[in-house]
Amino acid sequence: MKGDQCEFCKGEMEQRRILARFRFKGQTIYVENVPAWVCNRCGEQYFEAPVYKHLEDIARQRERIQRVISFPLAEFDAAIA
């Protein structure tokens, strides 16, 4: 993908290791240190096929994931006093 352009904004793609949010069968997991191609303009992320397959394998075995994180979740339309 080096030298490729982003499909959305035509920005330049660069390879990085990222914290990936991955949805699989209605569930979301986060995976650290994932190799990805990331647009340097809009941030769109692309995974090569073997990486995506590995993310699927991780998601299939989600019950083996031992570390759980929590984060604040706000309602967008909620009034802030």
Foldseek 3Di string as FASTA:
>chain_A
DQVAADPPPRAGWDWDFAFDWDDDPNDTDTDGRQIWIAGPPPGDTDDDPVSVVVVVVCVVVVVPDDDDDDDDDDDPPDDDD
